[in-house]
Protein backbone atom coordinates (compact mmCIF):
# COMPACT_ATOMS: atom_id res chain seq x y z
CA MET A 1 34.95 -31.98 -27.05
CA GLY A 2 33.72 -33.44 -31.23
CA HIS A 3 36.30 -33.41 -33.82
CA CYS A 4 36.09 -29.91 -35.86
CA LEU A 5 37.27 -29.90 -39.08
CA TYR A 6 38.22 -26.20 -40.86
CA PRO A 7 37.09 -23.91 -42.36
CA TRP A 8 33.74 -23.61 -40.07
CA PRO A 9 35.66 -21.67 -37.13
CA ARG A 10 33.49 -24.10 -34.31
CA LEU A 11 30.65 -26.00 -35.13
CA CYS A 12 30.70 -28.29 -32.54
CA GLY A 13 30.50 -27.37 -28.60
CA ALA A 14 28.41 -24.32 -26.89
CA SER A 15 28.64 -21.83 -29.67
CA SER A 16 28.39 -24.00 -32.44
CA LEU A 17 24.69 -22.56 -33.63
CA LEU A 18 26.43 -18.89 -32.97
CA ALA A 19 29.18 -18.79 -35.19
CA PHE A 20 27.25 -20.59 -37.61
CA LEU A 21 24.16 -18.06 -37.81
CA LEU A 22 27.70 -15.30 -37.94
CA LEU A 23 29.04 -16.66 -41.21
CA LEU A 24 25.16 -16.93 -42.80
CA ASP A 25 25.13 -13.04 -41.40
CA GLY A 26 27.93 -11.74 -43.08
CA GLY A 27 29.69 -11.54 -39.87
CA MET A 28 32.36 -13.62 -40.36
CA PHE A 29 34.46 -15.18 -43.85
CA SER A 30 35.21 -18.65 -44.78
CA PRO A 31 38.84 -19.26 -46.21
CA SER A 32 38.37 -19.54 -50.43
CA SER A 33 39.99 -22.94 -50.60
CA PRO A 34 40.13 -24.68 -47.44
CA PRO A 35 44.32 -25.21 -46.31
CA THR A 36 45.88 -28.51 -46.84
CA GLY A 37 49.23 -30.18 -45.03
CA LEU A 38 50.38 -28.88 -42.22
CA LEU A 39 48.45 -25.86 -42.32
CA GLU A 40 45.36 -27.42 -42.14
CA LYS A 41 46.51 -29.84 -39.04
CA VAL A 42 47.59 -26.51 -37.81
CA PHE A 43 44.33 -24.53 -38.15
CA GLN A 44 42.29 -28.43 -36.52
CA TYR A 45 44.63 -28.20 -33.64
CA ILE A 46 44.03 -24.54 -32.84
CA ASP A 47 39.57 -25.74 -32.99
CA LEU A 48 39.93 -28.57 -31.31
CA HIS A 49 42.22 -26.75 -28.30
CA GLN A 50 40.33 -23.06 -28.32
CA ASP A 51 38.67 -23.85 -24.94
CA GLU A 52 42.38 -24.72 -23.53
CA PHE A 53 43.66 -21.03 -25.51
CA VAL A 54 40.08 -19.11 -23.58
CA GLN A 55 41.18 -20.69 -20.43
CA THR A 56 44.60 -19.52 -20.30
CA LEU A 57 42.85 -15.97 -21.19
CA LYS A 58 40.74 -16.36 -18.46
CA GLU A 59 43.81 -16.69 -15.73
CA TRP A 60 45.32 -13.47 -17.67
CA VAL A 61 42.87 -11.50 -17.33
CA ALA A 62 42.23 -12.73 -13.66
CA VAL A 63 45.25 -10.73 -13.30
CA GLU A 64 44.82 -7.29 -12.33
CA SER A 65 48.12 -6.04 -13.96
CA ASP A 66 47.03 -2.27 -13.96
CA SER A 67 49.84 -0.06 -14.59
CA VAL A 68 48.28 3.32 -14.48
CA GLN A 69 47.81 3.71 -10.64
CA PRO A 70 51.22 3.99 -8.51
CA VAL A 71 49.83 0.89 -5.98
CA LEU A 72 52.79 -1.27 -4.28
CA ARG A 73 49.53 -3.60 -4.81
CA LEU A 74 49.31 -3.33 -8.41
CA ARG A 75 52.71 -3.57 -8.77
CA ARG A 76 52.87 -6.96 -7.80
CA GLU A 77 50.25 -8.02 -9.74
CA LEU A 78 52.16 -6.74 -12.44
CA LEU A 79 55.39 -8.84 -11.48
CA ARG A 80 53.10 -12.13 -11.43
CA MET A 81 51.60 -11.56 -14.49
CA THR A 82 55.68 -10.52 -15.86
CA ASP A 83 56.32 -14.38 -14.43
CA LEU A 84 53.26 -15.85 -16.04
CA ALA A 85 53.99 -14.87 -19.38
CA ALA A 86 57.50 -15.77 -19.02
CA ASP A 87 56.67 -19.17 -16.94
CA ARG A 88 54.45 -20.26 -20.51
CA LEU A 89 57.72 -19.12 -22.67
CA ARG A 90 60.11 -21.31 -20.80
CA ASN A 91 57.55 -24.12 -21.33
CA LEU A 92 57.38 -23.71 -24.94
CA GLY A 93 61.51 -23.90 -25.19
CA ALA A 94 62.18 -20.31 -24.96
CA HIS A 95 64.87 -18.89 -23.85
CA VAL A 96 64.07 -15.90 -21.33
CA ASP A 97 65.28 -12.81 -19.65
CA LEU A 98 63.42 -11.05 -18.03
CA VAL A 99 65.53 -7.59 -18.03
CA ASP A 100 65.47 -5.14 -15.18
CA ALA A 101 63.49 -2.06 -15.91
CA GLY A 102 64.59 -0.22 -12.24
CA PHE A 103 62.31 1.66 -10.21
CA GLN A 104 59.75 4.56 -11.29
CA GLN A 105 59.89 7.63 -9.11
CA LEU A 106 56.70 9.10 -8.12
CA PRO A 107 56.21 12.75 -7.83
CA ASP A 108 55.49 12.24 -3.96
CA GLY A 109 59.12 11.09 -3.68
CA GLN A 110 58.04 7.48 -3.70
CA SER A 111 59.48 4.67 -6.18
CA LEU A 112 58.09 1.81 -7.47
CA PRO A 113 59.86 -1.08 -9.33
CA ILE A 114 58.73 -1.39 -12.84
CA PRO A 115 58.45 -5.05 -13.75
CA PRO A 116 61.15 -6.71 -15.82
CA ILE A 117 60.59 -6.69 -19.84
CA ILE A 118 60.43 -9.97 -21.39
CA LEU A 119 62.96 -11.42 -23.92
CA ALA A 120 62.40 -14.10 -25.24
CA ALA A 121 63.80 -15.97 -28.34
CA LEU A 122 62.95 -19.12 -29.89
CA GLY A 123 65.30 -21.04 -32.77
CA ASN A 124 68.58 -18.91 -34.14
CA ASP A 125 68.28 -21.12 -37.77
CA PRO A 126 70.51 -18.43 -39.87
CA LYS A 127 68.24 -19.93 -42.89
CA LYS A 128 65.33 -18.86 -41.56
CA PRO A 129 63.80 -15.20 -41.41
CA THR A 130 63.71 -13.91 -37.46
CA VAL A 131 59.79 -11.93 -36.85
CA CYS A 132 59.90 -10.80 -33.32
CA PHE A 133 56.57 -9.88 -31.47
CA TYR A 134 55.88 -6.95 -29.29
CA GLY A 135 53.20 -6.92 -27.12
CA HIS A 136 52.38 -5.61 -23.32
CA LEU A 137 50.52 -7.38 -20.35
CA ASP A 138 49.40 -4.25 -18.24
CA VAL A 139 46.13 -2.88 -18.57
CA GLN A 140 43.96 0.03 -17.50
CA PRO A 141 41.85 0.79 -14.19
CA ALA A 142 38.61 -1.33 -14.04
CA ARG A 143 36.36 -1.80 -11.05
CA ARG A 144 33.20 -2.94 -11.36
CA GLU A 145 31.25 0.07 -10.06
CA ASP A 146 32.70 2.17 -12.66
CA GLY A 147 29.93 0.83 -14.93
CA TRP A 148 31.30 -2.91 -15.74
CA VAL A 149 28.41 -5.43 -16.04
CA THR A 150 30.26 -8.14 -14.91
CA ASP A 151 33.36 -8.12 -12.94
CA PRO A 152 36.27 -6.77 -15.79
CA HIS A 153 38.53 -9.59 -14.02
CA THR A 154 36.58 -12.51 -14.26
CA LEU A 155 36.64 -13.51 -18.42
CA THR A 156 33.10 -13.44 -19.23
CA GLU A 157 31.96 -14.90 -22.89
CA VAL A 158 28.27 -14.09 -24.01
CA ASP A 159 26.93 -15.06 -26.93
CA GLY A 160 30.60 -15.19 -28.50
CA LYS A 161 32.08 -12.08 -27.29
CA LEU A 162 34.75 -12.84 -24.28
CA TYR A 163 34.45 -9.46 -22.06
CA GLY A 164 37.45 -8.49 -19.36
CA ARG A 165 40.08 -5.93 -18.88
CA GLY A 166 42.56 -6.58 -21.01
CA THR A 167 41.06 -9.36 -23.36
CA THR A 168 41.87 -7.10 -26.55
CA ASP A 169 43.99 -4.83 -25.16
CA ASN A 170 47.01 -6.53 -25.19
CA LYS A 171 46.55 -9.84 -23.41
CA GLY A 172 44.31 -11.69 -26.22
CA PRO A 173 46.82 -10.93 -29.16
CA VAL A 174 49.73 -11.91 -26.89
CA LEU A 175 48.45 -15.16 -25.82
CA ALA A 176 47.15 -15.40 -29.39
CA TRP A 177 50.93 -15.00 -30.82
CA ILE A 178 52.03 -17.45 -28.07
CA ASN A 179 48.93 -20.00 -29.37
CA ALA A 180 50.33 -20.28 -32.89
CA VAL A 181 54.26 -21.24 -31.44
CA SER A 182 52.36 -23.42 -29.15
CA THR A 183 50.52 -25.02 -31.90
CA PHE A 184 53.24 -26.03 -34.11
CA ARG A 185 55.36 -27.07 -30.58
CA ALA A 186 52.48 -29.29 -29.77
CA LEU A 187 52.60 -31.15 -33.04
CA ASP A 188 56.33 -31.89 -33.19
CA GLU A 189 56.59 -29.30 -36.62
CA ASP A 190 59.50 -27.21 -36.83
CA LEU A 191 58.74 -23.62 -36.49
CA PRO A 192 59.37 -21.68 -40.03
CA VAL A 193 60.60 -18.83 -38.69
CA ASN A 194 62.85 -18.25 -35.64
CA VAL A 195 60.74 -16.03 -33.10
CA LYS A 196 61.23 -12.84 -30.56
CA PHE A 197 59.43 -11.65 -27.84
CA VAL A 198 59.35 -8.45 -26.42
CA ILE A 199 56.65 -7.85 -23.86
CA GLU A 200 56.28 -5.21 -21.26
CA GLY A 201 54.23 -4.01 -18.14
CA MET A 202 54.38 -0.59 -18.59
CA GLU A 203 52.42 0.33 -22.01
CA GLU A 204 49.57 2.28 -20.62
CA ALA A 205 51.88 4.39 -18.58
CA GLY A 206 54.44 5.40 -21.15
CA SER A 207 56.41 2.48 -21.94
CA LEU A 208 58.79 3.17 -18.97
CA ALA A 209 62.12 1.96 -19.67
CA LEU A 210 61.80 0.67 -23.08
CA GLU A 211 63.32 3.55 -25.37
CA GLU A 212 66.45 2.48 -23.61
CA LEU A 213 66.40 -0.85 -23.59
CA VAL A 214 65.76 -1.28 -27.75
CA GLN A 215 68.79 1.12 -27.95
CA LYS A 216 71.03 -0.76 -25.41
CA GLU A 217 70.06 -4.47 -27.35
CA LYS A 218 70.55 -3.06 -30.98
CA ALA A 219 73.60 -4.99 -31.28
CA GLY A 220 72.53 -7.37 -29.02
CA PHE A 221 68.85 -9.05 -28.54
CA PHE A 222 67.24 -7.14 -32.01
CA SER A 223 70.19 -7.52 -34.06
CA SER A 224 69.38 -10.76 -35.94
CA VAL A 225 65.56 -9.44 -35.92
CA ASP A 226 64.42 -9.21 -39.37
CA TYR A 227 60.45 -8.30 -38.92
CA ILE A 228 58.97 -6.80 -36.15
CA VAL A 229 54.92 -7.26 -35.39
CA ILE A 230 53.37 -5.09 -33.45
CA SER A 231 49.64 -6.03 -32.33
CA ASP A 232 48.34 -3.37 -30.46
CA ASN A 233 45.25 -1.56 -32.23
CA LEU A 234 41.84 -2.60 -34.02
CA TRP A 235 40.20 -3.48 -37.75
CA VAL A 236 38.15 -0.34 -38.63
CA SER A 237 34.94 -2.78 -39.04
CA ARG A 238 33.48 -5.74 -36.89
CA ARG A 239 33.76 -8.18 -39.88
CA THR A 240 36.66 -6.91 -42.29
CA PRO A 241 40.58 -7.99 -40.88
CA ALA A 242 42.70 -4.88 -41.62
CA LEU A 243 46.54 -4.84 -41.52
CA THR A 244 47.72 -1.04 -40.13
CA TRP A 245 50.62 0.98 -41.92
CA GLY A 246 50.61 3.98 -40.21
CA THR A 247 49.75 6.31 -37.19
CA ARG A 248 49.95 9.65 -36.11
CA GLY A 249 51.98 11.42 -34.04
CA ASN A 250 50.91 13.52 -30.96
CA SER A 251 51.94 17.20 -29.84
CA TYR A 252 50.89 18.43 -25.96
CA PHE A 253 50.65 21.85 -25.20
CA MET A 254 49.79 23.63 -21.52
CA VAL A 255 48.74 26.96 -21.93
CA GLU A 256 49.05 29.18 -18.54
CA VAL A 257 47.48 32.41 -17.91
CA LYS A 258 48.12 33.89 -14.68
CA CYS A 259 47.35 37.02 -12.33
CA ARG A 260 47.39 35.87 -9.10
CA ASP A 261 48.47 32.22 -7.52
CA GLN A 262 45.24 32.95 -5.27
CA ASP A 263 41.44 32.90 -6.73
CA PHE A 264 39.45 36.23 -6.49
CA HIS A 265 35.70 36.69 -4.54
CA SER A 266 33.97 37.55 -8.47
CA GLY A 267 32.02 40.37 -6.15
CA THR A 268 34.86 42.12 -4.33
CA PHE A 269 36.70 42.08 -7.98
CA GLY A 270 34.39 41.12 -10.71
CA GLY A 271 34.84 43.98 -13.25
CA ILE A 272 38.09 45.39 -12.52
CA LEU A 273 40.63 43.25 -13.54
CA ASN A 274 41.74 40.59 -16.27
CA GLU A 275 40.30 37.56 -15.79
CA PRO A 276 42.75 34.29 -16.64
CA MET A 277 39.78 32.25 -17.48
CA ALA A 278 38.29 34.67 -20.07
CA ASP A 279 41.90 35.18 -21.55
CA LEU A 280 41.82 31.03 -21.60
CA VAL A 281 38.70 30.41 -23.32
CA ALA A 282 39.51 33.08 -26.00
CA LEU A 283 43.37 31.59 -26.55
CA LEU A 284 41.68 27.98 -26.90
CA GLY A 285 38.52 29.48 -29.23
CA SER A 286 41.30 30.64 -31.14
CA LEU A 287 42.84 27.04 -32.02
CA VAL A 288 40.23 25.94 -34.20
CA ASP A 289 37.04 26.32 -35.91
CA SER A 290 33.62 24.44 -36.00
CA SER A 291 34.82 22.70 -39.31
CA GLY A 292 37.53 20.70 -37.40
CA ARG A 293 39.81 22.86 -39.08
CA ILE A 294 43.48 24.37 -37.33
CA LEU A 295 43.63 28.08 -37.08
CA ILE A 296 47.04 27.95 -36.96
CA PRO A 297 49.06 29.58 -39.35
CA GLY A 298 51.30 27.55 -41.74
CA ILE A 299 49.88 24.31 -39.87
CA TYR A 300 49.20 22.63 -42.98
CA ASP A 301 52.10 23.40 -44.73
CA HIS A 302 54.10 20.65 -44.75
CA VAL A 303 51.57 17.76 -44.54
CA ALA A 304 52.00 15.12 -47.39
CA PRO A 305 49.83 15.68 -49.92
CA VAL A 306 47.46 12.72 -50.95
CA THR A 307 48.38 10.36 -54.31
CA GLU A 308 46.20 9.01 -55.87
CA GLU A 309 46.92 5.26 -55.32
CA GLU A 310 46.87 6.23 -51.25
CA LYS A 311 43.08 7.34 -52.51
CA ARG A 312 42.30 4.16 -53.54
CA THR A 313 43.20 2.37 -50.64
CA TYR A 314 40.14 4.71 -48.81
CA GLU A 315 38.18 3.56 -51.24
CA ALA A 316 38.19 0.06 -50.68
CA ILE A 317 37.89 -0.08 -46.89
CA ASP A 318 34.69 -1.51 -45.36
CA LEU A 319 33.51 0.85 -43.37
CA ASP A 320 29.42 1.75 -42.98
CA LEU A 321 29.15 5.15 -41.85
CA GLU A 322 25.72 4.83 -40.93
CA GLU A 323 26.67 2.07 -38.31
CA TYR A 324 30.02 3.49 -37.23
CA ARG A 325 27.94 7.03 -36.43
CA ASN A 326 25.18 4.66 -34.21
CA SER A 327 27.79 3.03 -32.60
CA SER A 328 29.86 5.87 -31.84
CA GLN A 329 26.45 7.45 -30.61
CA VAL A 330 27.55 10.92 -32.42
CA LYS A 331 24.34 12.37 -34.28
CA LYS A 332 26.14 13.86 -36.92
CA PHE A 333 30.20 13.67 -38.12
CA LEU A 334 32.08 16.31 -39.41
CA PHE A 335 32.00 14.73 -42.86
CA ASP A 336 29.51 13.14 -45.01
CA THR A 337 31.64 10.25 -47.05
CA LYS A 338 34.02 7.52 -46.05
CA GLU A 339 36.82 8.27 -47.39
CA GLU A 340 36.95 12.27 -46.39
CA LEU A 341 36.38 10.87 -42.32
CA LEU A 342 39.60 8.15 -42.83
CA MET A 343 42.00 10.91 -43.89
CA HIS A 344 40.23 13.20 -41.54
CA LEU A 345 41.20 10.43 -38.76
CA TRP A 346 44.10 9.39 -40.35
CA ARG A 347 46.20 11.40 -42.40
CA TYR A 348 45.52 15.07 -41.65
CA PRO A 349 46.65 16.73 -38.08
CA SER A 350 43.60 17.18 -35.99
CA LEU A 351 43.47 19.43 -32.53
CA SER A 352 41.52 18.61 -29.41
CA ILE A 353 41.17 20.86 -26.94
CA HIS A 354 41.29 18.57 -23.34
CA GLY A 355 40.28 20.51 -20.16
CA ILE A 356 41.43 23.19 -17.83
CA GLU A 357 43.47 23.09 -15.04
CA GLY A 358 42.31 25.51 -12.29
CA ALA A 359 38.69 25.98 -12.77
CA PHE A 360 36.16 25.16 -10.95
CA HIS A 361 34.61 22.33 -11.94
CA GLU A 362 32.59 20.84 -8.97
CA PRO A 363 28.62 20.47 -8.83
CA GLY A 364 27.04 23.43 -7.62
CA ALA A 365 27.84 27.10 -7.78
CA LYS A 366 30.86 28.51 -6.71
CA THR A 367 31.63 32.34 -7.13
CA VAL A 368 35.04 32.44 -7.56
CA ILE A 369 37.27 33.86 -10.26
CA PRO A 370 39.94 31.94 -10.48
CA GLY A 371 43.80 33.53 -10.28
CA ARG A 372 45.82 31.15 -12.19
CA VAL A 373 44.56 28.06 -15.08
CA ILE A 374 46.18 26.00 -17.38
CA GLY A 375 44.51 25.12 -20.47
CA LYS A 376 45.20 21.35 -22.05
CA PHE A 377 45.21 20.19 -25.96
CA SER A 378 47.35 18.41 -28.28
CA ILE A 379 47.66 18.27 -32.10
CA ARG A 380 48.14 14.90 -34.25
CA LEU A 381 50.69 14.90 -36.12
CA VAL A 382 51.17 13.41 -39.80
CA PRO A 383 54.22 13.10 -42.34
CA HIS A 384 55.82 15.13 -42.68
CA MET A 385 55.19 17.76 -40.39
CA ASN A 386 58.27 19.02 -37.59
CA MET A 387 57.84 18.94 -33.97
CA SER A 388 60.00 22.31 -33.25
CA VAL A 389 57.87 24.00 -36.65
CA VAL A 390 54.77 22.99 -35.17
CA GLU A 391 55.47 24.19 -31.66
CA LYS A 392 57.30 27.42 -32.92
CA GLN A 393 53.79 27.74 -35.01
CA VAL A 394 51.85 27.57 -31.98
CA LYS A 395 53.82 29.84 -29.25
CA GLN A 396 53.58 32.66 -32.07
CA HIS A 397 49.62 31.66 -32.77
CA LEU A 398 49.09 32.51 -29.26
CA ASP A 399 51.77 35.10 -28.69
CA TYR A 400 49.75 37.24 -31.41
CA ILE A 401 46.02 36.53 -30.31
CA PHE A 402 47.02 37.36 -26.66
CA SER A 403 48.77 40.38 -27.10
CA LYS A 404 45.39 41.49 -29.27
CA ARG A 405 43.61 41.30 -25.77
CA ASN A 406 45.58 43.70 -23.98
CA SER A 407 45.82 41.93 -20.96
CA SER A 408 47.63 42.42 -17.78
CA ASN A 409 47.64 39.01 -17.16
CA GLN A 410 51.04 36.34 -17.94
CA MET A 411 51.07 33.52 -20.52
CA THR A 412 53.21 30.89 -21.10
CA VAL A 413 53.50 28.37 -23.23
CA SER A 414 54.91 24.79 -22.90
CA MET A 415 55.21 21.93 -25.15
CA THR A 416 55.17 19.08 -22.72
CA LEU A 417 55.56 16.03 -24.77
CA GLY A 418 56.37 14.98 -28.71
CA LEU A 419 55.46 11.93 -30.49
CA HIS A 420 56.23 11.44 -34.22
CA PRO A 421 54.27 9.61 -36.98
CA TRP A 422 54.75 6.50 -37.91
CA VAL A 423 54.35 4.98 -41.59
CA ALA A 424 55.54 1.70 -42.84
CA ASN A 425 56.40 0.19 -46.74
CA ILE A 426 53.15 -1.77 -47.52
CA ARG A 427 55.71 -3.76 -50.04
CA ASP A 428 58.01 -5.04 -47.69
CA ASN A 429 57.51 -8.95 -47.46
CA GLN A 430 56.01 -9.24 -44.20
CA TYR A 431 52.82 -7.24 -45.38
CA LEU A 432 52.72 -9.71 -48.43
CA ALA A 433 53.14 -12.34 -45.96
CA ALA A 434 50.07 -11.04 -43.67
CA LYS A 435 48.07 -9.93 -46.60
CA ARG A 436 48.16 -14.01 -47.96
CA ALA A 437 47.70 -15.66 -44.28
CA ILE A 438 45.19 -12.86 -44.16
CA LYS A 439 43.10 -14.29 -47.36
CA THR A 440 43.82 -18.08 -46.13
CA VAL A 441 42.35 -17.95 -42.59
CA PHE A 442 39.73 -15.20 -43.53
CA GLY A 443 39.02 -15.64 -47.10
CA THR A 444 39.13 -12.00 -48.39
CA GLU A 445 41.38 -9.18 -48.38
CA PRO A 446 42.46 -7.13 -45.52
CA ASP A 447 41.57 -3.69 -45.17
CA MET A 448 44.34 -1.16 -45.48
CA ILE A 449 44.61 0.93 -42.61
CA ARG A 450 46.34 3.83 -40.30
CA ASP A 451 45.48 4.70 -37.10
CA GLY A 452 44.32 8.42 -36.04
CA SER A 453 45.88 7.39 -32.36
CA THR A 454 49.87 7.14 -31.25
CA ILE A 455 51.72 4.05 -30.81
CA PRO A 456 54.90 5.54 -30.35
CA ILE A 457 56.82 2.05 -30.46
CA ALA A 458 56.29 1.54 -33.55
CA ARG A 459 58.84 4.58 -34.78
CA ILE A 460 60.93 3.73 -31.71
CA PHE A 461 61.64 0.14 -32.89
CA GLN A 462 61.92 1.63 -36.89
CA ASP A 463 63.90 4.52 -36.12
CA THR A 464 66.52 2.34 -33.84
CA ILE A 465 67.17 -0.99 -35.32
CA GLN A 466 66.08 0.06 -39.10
CA LYS A 467 64.34 -2.75 -39.67
CA SER A 468 60.55 -3.53 -41.19
CA VAL A 469 57.92 -2.80 -38.37
CA MET A 470 54.34 -3.80 -39.15
CA MET A 471 50.64 -3.91 -37.17
CA LEU A 472 48.50 -6.45 -37.64
CA PRO A 473 45.48 -6.02 -35.31
CA LEU A 474 43.29 -8.96 -34.31
CA GLY A 475 40.43 -7.03 -32.71
CA ALA A 476 36.95 -5.60 -33.89
CA VAL A 477 36.26 -2.09 -33.68
CA ASP A 478 33.95 -2.60 -31.09
CA ASP A 479 35.95 -4.26 -28.87
CA GLY A 480 35.78 -1.60 -26.79
CA GLU A 481 39.14 -1.33 -25.21
CA HIS A 482 40.10 0.88 -22.05
CA SER A 483 36.11 0.78 -21.62
CA GLN A 484 33.72 -0.50 -19.26
CA LYS A 485 32.79 -2.99 -21.58
CA GLU A 486 36.05 -4.48 -23.28
CA LYS A 487 35.96 -7.56 -24.74
CA ILE A 488 37.27 -9.66 -27.42
CA ASN A 489 35.44 -12.12 -29.82
CA ARG A 490 36.06 -16.04 -29.66
CA TRP A 491 36.15 -16.21 -33.34
CA ASN A 492 38.85 -13.22 -33.28
CA TYR A 493 40.72 -14.45 -30.78
CA ILE A 494 40.98 -18.41 -32.35
CA GLU A 495 41.33 -17.10 -36.04
CA GLY A 496 43.68 -14.54 -35.22
CA SER A 497 45.73 -17.68 -33.37
CA LYS A 498 45.46 -19.52 -36.66
CA LEU A 499 46.64 -16.00 -38.45
CA PHE A 500 49.89 -15.65 -36.88
CA ALA A 501 50.31 -19.76 -37.90
CA ALA A 502 49.72 -18.90 -41.44
CA PHE A 503 51.48 -15.63 -41.43
CA PHE A 504 54.99 -18.24 -39.96
CA LEU A 505 54.55 -19.78 -43.09
CA GLU A 506 54.34 -17.33 -45.25
CA MET A 507 57.29 -15.51 -44.24
CA ALA A 508 58.86 -18.55 -44.61
CA LYS A 509 58.38 -19.10 -48.07
CA LEU A 510 59.06 -15.68 -49.15
CA HIS A 511 62.12 -14.97 -47.31
């Protein structure tokens, strides 16, 4: 490859024309002023070696590290993926521990090994800040016959997009962090910060054993950590980088209505009993109205009020509502303005109905009355909602609705999952450092965003280690994580590697 100079992302090789056109189209940013000194050397090295970085991502995507399906073959793949990552860190000079995470007990009595959790450290200079990166190596299931245009485990580049399972969630961001470290090493430059890694292989299956490890290592591995960075979510735009400072929590509920364990024939029993499905439909229909408002009394009482400062952050975010609607393939959203949509997605609670267990759902007509059905729904929680209060409010509401039906059936309600929301202090040093690094690499201020989903590890780190946690996403809004078209743009992957390198230098200045 010829010599490529920053600021152009890649004006040599096969994707040069695409990169140039995207720049003209406003699809990418250039920094406001070219970097100098060490930063210039770092950026030039990353540009010149980007094909090698893409090749490594290809090798990682080829490993079918699916943690969701409890199959021994896939667990072996997860163990292989863990070894690959551990070897790469060792080659950088990191001290690597593979912490035994035990076994996963399955409902059928079998047990499967949980891949070891990687704890790695580079540098222990007390004068430098210690930044710890969290990422995961496991992926969601993916098969060609599910609707993929290309083999999901063969990295395929089309128009600057790198398609494959795990590219954006989360192998690409993990490698971008490693790329940044390896660049300083290749240039024989001292790392500006001490770096630690926590990399697991069971995130998609609920991060089994991770919380226990964090608790156990609080006074050990994590005792010297000053800052924690997570790169496991996406921008809200295709163009503008983002910093994430909050996520919603989640409480998941099951409501069961039972007449008997067996189903009924509707010709024999229809019209002479309270049908469980009719009761359940009434219960589920009482939870939320057509405008998305939750109908459970008191549910909004403890939601944190919106401040004027917070309102301004939503106004500044780069979101084209029409583009967002079209890419989502939704005819109409419940809200007409960017600010309303983002607030209802990120900082207000929402209630979603997910499914009914026990109901007939196969193709064709079956005249059955289910004898027992279970409805499933969840409430996304926001500050300062109290989980136990929400559980009580849900149960009281459903008890009241059920009592009004005078049904002879039995109803039980249970909360099966409870995860707290997470909010960061955006005035922390690492948020300031990340903003400066984004400005250096991308030439623009980041969108300050929250996330409507739940990323439990952020709250676990914050509560357990009592240190600043930041989410620094690399992927664009259209990366399609978990979908049949998951990708990361080559530009996001390579510029993201530069972003982490610039972040190290900014952290060193601020500490």
